[in-house]
Amino acid sequence: MTNMKGTVIRAAAMMAALLLFAQVWSFSRPIHRWSNGWQSSADNVQVDQIGNNVVDIDCSDRERRIQIFETHKNHTYLTEADLQFAARDAAICEPPAGLERVAFMFLVRGDLAHERLWERFFKGKEDRYSIYVHATPGFEYPEGSFFRGRQIPSKTVARFSSNLVDALRRLIAYALLDVDSPNSWFVLLCDASIPVRSFDFVYSYLTKSKLSFVESFHPSKAYHSWETLPEFPMQDLRKGEFWMALNRKHAGMVVAESTFYFKFRSQCNFWCIPDEQYIQTLLVAKDGRGIANRSVMYVDWAHAHISSPFNHDAAHITPELIQKIQSRKVDTDGARHDTAADNSTVSCVYNDLPQSECFLFARKFSSGAAQALQSLPASVLGY
């Protein structure tokens, strides 16, 4: 009898402990899921629900999102979990009132050599854009800089690593949470990027598009050297340029997802590049019909190279170069032609119309090209 009583007591204690653990886990679940990779069967449903705009979120709790945004805006981290889950909620709820904006998100080291060109591009359009800059930790733009006051709290990033993806997700989260900016599109740019169209052209092109612009293609066999199961089959693996333009729905999907994210972070190593494959694979798997499978960022991979595209310097800057990029209606020398299983030429389709204008931006342009670019007239650049 004593043994039986002891067994019952131990079983009751174990049950109580399990119930307590379940309660604690339910309260801390967002932090666990984003901080150490715990998964749940809700992960994939969560992304699908964001796509269909049916998640059970209290959209009236705007004050919570404002508090989190203001805390992070002041360069004070709570946790990445708080930031990203609040951003997920913001993506599902109605954006702030006002004329929709395009969020230009700059992932840079520090100074932007083409700052004056961007300032020229944005001039007079303040009600239709927002700017967010993720620079090297500790870097601050000086007084008088066009980008001063536009930085978000940053962390160190390295090429070919998952922390590039983290930086993009952080930029998107801030842009989604910004209570002063009804951002509907989210464009990722780097310090070697320039605009090759007028602001009005870019704004109309993006805000009227039915699809997000994410280059996503089947990579060559060399990239099939890691195990993607059970999260997704190898035939679903994709690759493409990191520099993309996302609508609000897809921006929310990117910050909310965890299953694919942790798979890439833990196992995408040899012959795998997280920033060129994670989002490209995720969006094809979750909403393949919602992306254009091409970029609006021109880049030249046709020249001899090791791991970087052609870098334009001052000697290459001519009106003819810009006009050539502007007139392109097929992609003949982008990343697809460098690493795709099928590198055939692709027509640029825009809202179901083939042979449409492909590019709004271009890279890479060196710091030495800055003055030559600024010397180009508005009749060439469009601004």
Protein backbone atom coordinates (compact mmCIF):
# COMPACT_ATOMS: atom_id res chain seq x y z
CA MET A 1 0.00 0.00 0.00
CA THR A 2 2.84 2.36 0.88
CA ASN A 3 4.50 1.73 -2.47
CA MET A 4 1.23 2.34 -4.28
CA LYS A 5 0.66 5.56 -2.36
CA GLY A 6 4.19 6.71 -3.23
CA THR A 7 3.61 5.92 -6.88
CA VAL A 8 0.37 7.91 -6.91
CA ILE A 9 2.06 10.89 -5.26
CA ARG A 10 4.95 10.81 -7.73
CA ALA A 11 2.53 10.57 -10.65
CA ALA A 12 0.51 13.51 -9.33
CA ALA A 13 3.66 15.55 -8.82
CA MET A 14 4.82 14.75 -12.34
CA MET A 15 1.42 15.75 -13.77
CA ALA A 16 1.50 19.04 -11.84
CA ALA A 17 5.00 19.72 -13.12
CA LEU A 18 3.92 19.05 -16.69
CA LEU A 19 0.92 21.35 -16.34
CA LEU A 20 3.13 24.10 -14.88
CA PHE A 21 5.64 23.65 -17.71
CA ALA A 22 2.84 23.87 -20.27
CA GLN A 23 1.59 27.12 -18.72
CA VAL A 24 5.06 28.66 -18.65
CA TRP A 25 5.77 27.54 -22.21
CA SER A 26 2.51 29.01 -23.47
CA PHE A 27 3.35 32.42 -21.99
CA SER A 28 6.93 32.41 -23.29
CA ARG A 29 6.21 30.66 -26.58
CA PRO A 30 6.98 33.55 -28.93
CA ILE A 31 10.41 34.08 -27.35
CA HIS A 32 11.26 30.36 -27.45
CA ARG A 33 10.17 29.98 -31.03
CA TRP A 34 12.33 32.83 -32.26
CA SER A 35 15.30 32.44 -29.95
CA ASN A 36 16.22 28.78 -30.05
CA GLY A 37 14.27 27.12 -32.77
CA TRP A 38 11.46 25.30 -31.00
CA GLN A 39 8.84 24.36 -33.55
CA SER A 40 5.12 23.71 -33.46
CA SER A 41 2.57 22.39 -35.90
CA ALA A 42 1.25 25.96 -36.18
CA ASP A 43 4.33 27.27 -38.01
CA ASN A 44 3.22 26.53 -41.55
CA VAL A 45 -0.38 27.39 -40.77
CA GLN A 46 0.79 30.70 -39.39
CA VAL A 47 2.47 31.68 -42.67
CA ASP A 48 -0.53 30.53 -44.70
CA GLN A 49 -2.87 32.48 -42.46
CA ILE A 50 -0.83 35.62 -42.89
CA GLY A 51 -1.09 35.15 -46.64
CA ASN A 52 -4.86 34.84 -46.34
CA ASN A 53 -5.19 37.58 -43.73
CA VAL A 54 -7.20 35.47 -41.27
CA VAL A 55 -5.00 35.15 -38.18
CA ASP A 56 -6.89 35.82 -34.94
CA ILE A 57 -5.02 38.99 -33.93
CA ASP A 58 -6.35 41.84 -31.82
CA CYS A 59 -5.81 44.70 -34.27
CA SER A 60 -7.19 47.16 -31.75
CA ASP A 61 -4.07 46.67 -29.61
CA ARG A 62 -2.25 49.39 -31.55
CA GLU A 63 -0.72 50.86 -28.39
CA ARG A 64 1.35 47.71 -27.82
CA ARG A 65 2.84 47.94 -31.31
CA ILE A 66 3.55 51.65 -30.82
CA GLN A 67 5.32 50.93 -27.53
CA ILE A 68 7.49 48.21 -29.06
CA PHE A 69 8.32 50.35 -32.10
CA GLU A 70 9.27 53.36 -29.99
CA THR A 71 11.40 51.21 -27.68
CA HIS A 72 13.35 49.77 -30.58
CA LYS A 73 13.46 53.10 -32.38
CA ASN A 74 15.39 54.44 -29.40
CA HIS A 75 18.01 51.74 -29.99
CA THR A 76 16.94 49.70 -26.99
CA TYR A 77 16.45 46.00 -27.65
CA LEU A 78 13.78 44.04 -25.86
CA THR A 79 14.11 40.76 -27.77
CA GLU A 80 14.06 39.90 -31.45
CA ALA A 81 10.95 37.86 -30.64
CA ASP A 82 9.03 40.90 -29.40
CA LEU A 83 10.03 42.88 -32.46
CA GLN A 84 9.16 40.20 -35.00
CA PHE A 85 5.89 39.06 -33.45
CA ALA A 86 4.70 42.64 -33.16
CA ALA A 87 5.68 43.12 -36.82
CA ARG A 88 3.72 40.00 -37.75
CA ASP A 89 0.65 41.46 -36.08
CA ALA A 90 1.17 44.79 -37.84
CA ALA A 91 1.38 43.03 -41.23
CA ILE A 92 -1.97 41.35 -40.64
CA CYS A 93 -3.77 44.44 -39.37
CA GLU A 94 -4.58 47.51 -41.41
CA PRO A 95 -1.55 49.78 -41.94
CA PRO A 96 -1.59 53.31 -40.53
CA ALA A 97 -3.90 55.72 -42.29
CA GLY A 98 -2.61 57.85 -45.14
CA LEU A 99 -1.19 57.64 -48.65
CA GLU A 100 0.59 54.30 -49.08
CA ARG A 101 4.36 54.46 -48.98
CA VAL A 102 7.31 52.52 -50.29
CA ALA A 103 9.81 51.56 -47.59
CA PHE A 104 13.37 51.82 -48.89
CA MET A 105 15.53 49.60 -46.68
CA PHE A 106 19.29 50.13 -46.92
CA LEU A 107 21.56 47.33 -45.72
CA VAL A 108 24.96 49.04 -45.69
CA ARG A 109 28.32 49.24 -43.92
CA GLY A 110 28.26 52.96 -43.23
CA ASP A 111 28.65 55.96 -45.52
CA LEU A 112 26.71 55.80 -48.79
CA ALA A 113 28.85 57.04 -51.65
CA HIS A 114 25.70 57.67 -53.68
CA GLU A 115 23.89 59.58 -50.92
CA ARG A 116 23.48 62.75 -53.01
CA LEU A 117 22.03 60.75 -55.89
CA TRP A 118 19.45 59.17 -53.58
CA GLU A 119 18.65 62.57 -52.08
CA ARG A 120 18.04 63.87 -55.59
CA PHE A 121 15.81 60.86 -56.34
CA PHE A 122 13.67 61.38 -53.20
CA LYS A 123 13.40 65.17 -53.40
CA GLY A 124 9.83 66.44 -53.10
CA LYS A 125 8.30 62.98 -52.56
CA GLU A 126 8.33 62.93 -48.75
CA ASP A 127 4.72 61.76 -48.40
CA ARG A 128 5.30 58.58 -50.45
CA TYR A 129 8.45 57.01 -49.05
CA SER A 130 10.07 55.88 -45.81
CA ILE A 131 13.74 55.09 -45.25
CA TYR A 132 15.31 52.57 -42.86
CA VAL A 133 19.06 52.01 -42.63
CA HIS A 134 20.82 48.99 -41.12
CA ALA A 135 24.48 50.03 -40.83
CA THR A 136 27.46 48.59 -38.99
CA PRO A 137 26.85 48.71 -35.20
CA GLY A 138 28.21 51.92 -33.76
CA PHE A 139 28.16 53.86 -37.01
CA GLU A 140 26.23 57.13 -36.99
CA TYR A 141 25.56 59.45 -39.91
CA PRO A 142 26.88 62.98 -39.30
CA GLU A 143 24.85 66.16 -39.02
CA GLY A 144 23.64 67.22 -42.45
CA SER A 145 23.55 63.70 -43.88
CA PHE A 146 20.36 62.79 -45.71
CA PHE A 147 20.34 59.47 -43.84
CA ARG A 148 20.80 60.90 -40.36
CA GLY A 149 18.07 59.78 -37.99
CA ARG A 150 16.94 56.99 -40.29
CA GLN A 151 19.00 54.18 -38.72
CA ILE A 152 17.55 51.23 -36.87
CA PRO A 153 19.41 49.29 -34.13
CA SER A 154 21.74 46.93 -35.98
CA LYS A 155 23.84 43.84 -35.50
CA THR A 156 26.96 42.63 -37.27
CA VAL A 157 26.42 40.92 -40.63
CA ALA A 158 28.72 38.83 -42.77
CA ARG A 159 28.54 37.82 -46.41
CA PHE A 160 27.08 34.36 -47.16
CA SER A 161 25.60 34.07 -43.67
CA SER A 162 22.16 33.84 -42.08
CA ASN A 163 22.71 37.13 -40.25
CA LEU A 164 22.13 38.89 -43.58
CA VAL A 165 18.65 37.38 -43.48
CA ASP A 166 18.32 38.52 -39.87
CA ALA A 167 19.19 42.07 -40.90
CA LEU A 168 16.54 42.03 -43.63
CA ARG A 169 13.92 40.70 -41.22
CA ARG A 170 14.89 43.43 -38.75
CA LEU A 171 14.51 46.12 -41.41
CA ILE A 172 11.13 44.75 -42.49
CA ALA A 173 9.95 44.58 -38.87
CA TYR A 174 10.73 48.24 -38.26
CA ALA A 175 9.08 49.26 -41.51
CA LEU A 176 5.94 47.26 -40.67
CA LEU A 177 5.76 48.68 -37.15
CA ASP A 178 6.32 52.30 -38.10
CA VAL A 179 3.10 53.92 -36.92
CA ASP A 180 3.83 57.10 -38.89
CA SER A 181 4.28 55.39 -42.27
CA PRO A 182 1.62 53.34 -44.10
CA ASN A 183 4.25 51.23 -45.87
CA SER A 184 2.83 48.91 -48.53
CA TRP A 185 6.06 47.94 -50.32
CA PHE A 186 9.48 47.02 -48.94
CA VAL A 187 12.56 47.40 -51.15
CA LEU A 188 15.99 46.10 -50.10
CA LEU A 189 19.01 48.09 -51.29
CA CYS A 190 22.75 48.19 -50.64
CA ASP A 191 25.46 50.87 -50.65
CA ALA A 192 26.33 50.00 -54.28
CA SER A 193 22.72 50.43 -55.51
CA ILE A 194 21.36 53.35 -57.51
CA PRO A 195 17.90 54.23 -58.88
CA VAL A 196 17.69 54.19 -62.69
CA ARG A 197 14.14 55.55 -62.92
CA SER A 198 12.29 58.54 -61.53
CA PHE A 199 10.62 58.22 -58.14
CA ASP A 200 7.18 58.53 -59.75
CA PHE A 201 7.96 55.66 -62.13
CA VAL A 202 9.24 53.46 -59.29
CA TYR A 203 6.28 54.26 -57.03
CA SER A 204 3.69 53.53 -59.71
CA TYR A 205 5.47 50.37 -60.86
CA LEU A 206 5.53 48.89 -57.36
CA THR A 207 2.22 50.01 -55.90
CA LYS A 208 0.29 48.88 -58.99
CA SER A 209 2.01 45.51 -59.23
CA LYS A 210 0.04 42.32 -58.57
CA LEU A 211 3.18 40.44 -57.53
CA SER A 212 6.25 40.86 -55.35
CA PHE A 213 9.58 40.93 -57.16
CA VAL A 214 11.68 38.06 -55.83
CA GLU A 215 14.04 36.28 -58.19
CA SER A 216 13.61 32.55 -57.58
CA PHE A 217 14.97 29.79 -59.82
CA HIS A 218 16.13 26.18 -59.61
CA PRO A 219 19.84 26.30 -58.73
CA SER A 220 22.46 24.16 -60.44
CA LYS A 221 23.29 20.68 -59.08
CA ALA A 222 26.17 21.97 -56.96
CA TYR A 223 23.62 23.55 -54.60
CA HIS A 224 21.88 20.21 -53.97
CA SER A 225 24.51 19.02 -51.52
CA TRP A 226 22.62 19.36 -48.22
CA GLU A 227 19.61 17.67 -46.67
CA THR A 228 16.40 19.69 -46.92
CA LEU A 229 14.01 17.05 -45.58
CA PRO A 230 11.73 16.83 -43.70
CA GLU A 231 10.95 20.55 -43.97
CA PHE A 232 10.80 20.58 -47.77
CA PRO A 233 11.90 18.38 -50.70
CA MET A 234 15.04 19.22 -52.66
CA GLN A 235 13.00 19.99 -55.79
CA ASP A 236 11.51 22.98 -53.94
CA LEU A 237 14.91 24.55 -53.28
CA ARG A 238 15.33 27.90 -55.03
CA LYS A 239 17.97 30.60 -55.43
CA GLY A 240 18.02 34.24 -56.55
CA GLU A 241 19.22 37.76 -55.88
CA PHE A 242 18.95 38.93 -52.27
CA TRP A 243 17.87 42.40 -53.41
CA MET A 244 14.09 42.16 -53.63
CA ALA A 245 10.87 44.18 -53.47
CA LEU A 246 8.07 42.75 -51.31
CA ASN A 247 4.46 43.75 -50.84
CA ARG A 248 3.06 43.97 -47.30
CA LYS A 249 1.65 40.44 -47.33
CA HIS A 250 4.99 38.86 -48.22
CA ALA A 251 6.89 41.14 -45.84
CA GLY A 252 4.70 39.79 -43.03
CA MET A 253 5.33 36.22 -44.13
CA VAL A 254 9.09 36.75 -44.04
CA VAL A 255 9.15 38.09 -40.46
CA ALA A 256 6.60 35.55 -39.14
CA GLU A 257 8.01 32.27 -40.47
CA SER A 258 10.29 30.01 -38.43
CA THR A 259 10.34 26.45 -39.82
CA PHE A 260 12.23 27.20 -43.04
CA TYR A 261 14.27 29.87 -41.24
CA PHE A 262 15.73 27.48 -38.66
CA LYS A 263 16.29 24.81 -41.30
CA PHE A 264 18.44 27.18 -43.35
CA ARG A 265 20.20 28.62 -40.30
CA SER A 266 21.22 25.21 -38.96
CA GLN A 267 21.95 23.23 -42.13
CA CYS A 268 22.52 25.63 -45.05
CA ASN A 269 26.31 25.55 -45.15
CA PHE A 270 28.36 23.92 -47.89
CA TRP A 271 27.21 25.11 -51.33
CA CYS A 272 24.30 26.92 -49.75
CA ILE A 273 23.84 30.69 -49.35
CA PRO A 274 21.07 31.66 -46.88
CA ASP A 275 20.44 35.18 -48.20
CA GLU A 276 20.12 33.91 -51.78
CA GLN A 277 18.01 30.86 -50.96
CA TYR A 278 15.90 31.09 -47.79
CA ILE A 279 13.29 33.69 -48.78
CA GLN A 280 13.39 32.57 -52.40
CA THR A 281 12.51 29.01 -51.31
CA LEU A 282 10.00 30.07 -48.66
CA LEU A 283 7.88 32.27 -50.91
CA VAL A 284 7.78 29.75 -53.76
CA ALA A 285 6.64 27.09 -51.28
CA LYS A 286 4.02 29.27 -49.59
CA ASP A 287 2.82 31.58 -52.35
CA GLY A 288 4.55 30.71 -55.61
CA ARG A 289 1.93 32.48 -57.70
CA GLY A 290 2.41 35.66 -55.71
CA ILE A 291 5.95 36.44 -56.83
CA ALA A 292 7.30 37.46 -60.22
CA ASN A 293 10.38 35.17 -60.11
CA ARG A 294 12.56 38.09 -61.14
CA SER A 295 14.25 41.08 -59.61
CA VAL A 296 13.84 44.79 -60.35
CA MET A 297 17.55 45.24 -59.52
CA TYR A 298 19.85 45.12 -62.56
CA VAL A 299 23.20 43.41 -62.05
CA ASP A 300 25.78 42.18 -64.55
CA TRP A 301 27.08 38.66 -63.92
CA ALA A 302 28.20 38.21 -67.54
CA HIS A 303 31.74 39.51 -67.02
CA ALA A 304 34.54 37.36 -65.61
CA HIS A 305 34.15 37.09 -61.84
CA ILE A 306 34.70 34.92 -58.78
CA SER A 307 31.81 35.67 -56.42
CA SER A 308 30.78 39.25 -57.20
CA PRO A 309 29.10 40.85 -60.21
CA PHE A 310 30.66 43.51 -62.41
CA ASN A 311 31.49 46.71 -60.51
CA HIS A 312 30.94 49.91 -62.52
CA ASP A 313 33.40 52.73 -61.88
CA ALA A 314 33.59 56.28 -63.22
CA ALA A 315 34.92 55.20 -66.62
CA HIS A 316 31.79 53.12 -67.27
CA ILE A 317 29.24 55.85 -66.49
CA THR A 318 27.61 57.12 -69.67
CA PRO A 319 24.07 58.03 -70.67
CA GLU A 320 24.11 54.95 -72.90
CA LEU A 321 24.71 52.62 -69.91
CA ILE A 322 21.70 53.97 -68.02
CA GLN A 323 19.51 53.92 -71.11
CA LYS A 324 20.55 50.32 -71.84
CA ILE A 325 19.45 49.28 -68.34
CA GLN A 326 16.20 51.23 -68.61
CA SER A 327 15.32 49.69 -71.98
CA ARG A 328 15.86 46.08 -70.91
CA LYS A 329 12.78 43.87 -71.29
CA VAL A 330 14.54 40.53 -70.85
CA ASP A 331 16.97 39.28 -68.21
CA THR A 332 20.11 38.11 -70.04
CA ASP A 333 22.98 38.55 -67.57
CA GLY A 334 21.64 38.35 -64.01
CA ALA A 335 22.21 35.79 -61.25
CA ARG A 336 20.06 33.25 -63.09
CA HIS A 337 22.70 33.05 -65.82
CA ASP A 338 25.42 32.42 -63.28
CA THR A 339 24.02 29.69 -61.02
CA ALA A 340 20.69 28.40 -62.40
CA ALA A 341 20.01 24.87 -63.62
CA ASP A 342 18.30 26.47 -66.61
CA ASN A 343 19.93 29.79 -67.48
CA SER A 344 17.81 30.67 -70.48
CA THR A 345 16.76 34.25 -71.13
CA VAL A 346 13.63 35.30 -69.25
CA SER A 347 11.10 37.84 -70.45
CA CYS A 348 10.18 40.47 -67.86
CA VAL A 349 6.47 40.07 -67.20
CA TYR A 350 4.63 42.88 -65.42
CA ASN A 351 0.97 42.41 -64.47
CA ASP A 352 0.67 39.61 -67.04
CA LEU A 353 2.29 41.65 -69.83
CA PRO A 354 5.51 40.09 -71.19
CA GLN A 355 8.35 42.17 -72.59
CA SER A 356 7.79 44.89 -69.97
CA GLU A 357 10.44 47.16 -68.43
CA CYS A 358 12.58 45.03 -66.12
CA PHE A 359 14.57 47.29 -63.84
CA LEU A 360 14.05 50.13 -61.38
CA PHE A 361 17.45 49.97 -59.68
CA ALA A 362 20.96 48.79 -60.52
CA ARG A 363 24.17 47.64 -58.84
CA LYS A 364 27.16 47.46 -58.41
CA PHE A 365 28.37 51.06 -58.71
CA SER A 366 31.62 51.95 -56.97
CA SER A 367 32.19 54.99 -54.78
CA GLY A 368 34.43 56.33 -57.55
CA ALA A 369 31.43 56.49 -59.86
CA ALA A 370 29.48 58.86 -57.60
CA GLN A 371 30.45 62.14 -59.23
CA ALA A 372 29.97 60.81 -62.75
CA LEU A 373 26.49 59.57 -61.84
CA GLN A 374 25.53 62.90 -60.27
CA SER A 375 26.64 64.65 -63.46
CA LEU A 376 24.06 62.77 -65.53
CA PRO A 377 21.07 65.00 -66.38
CA ALA A 378 17.48 64.38 -65.34
CA SER A 379 16.68 63.65 -68.99
CA VAL A 380 18.76 60.46 -68.61
CA LEU A 381 18.11 59.34 -65.04
CA GLY A 382 14.51 60.52 -64.87
CA TYR A 383 15.14 62.66 -61.77
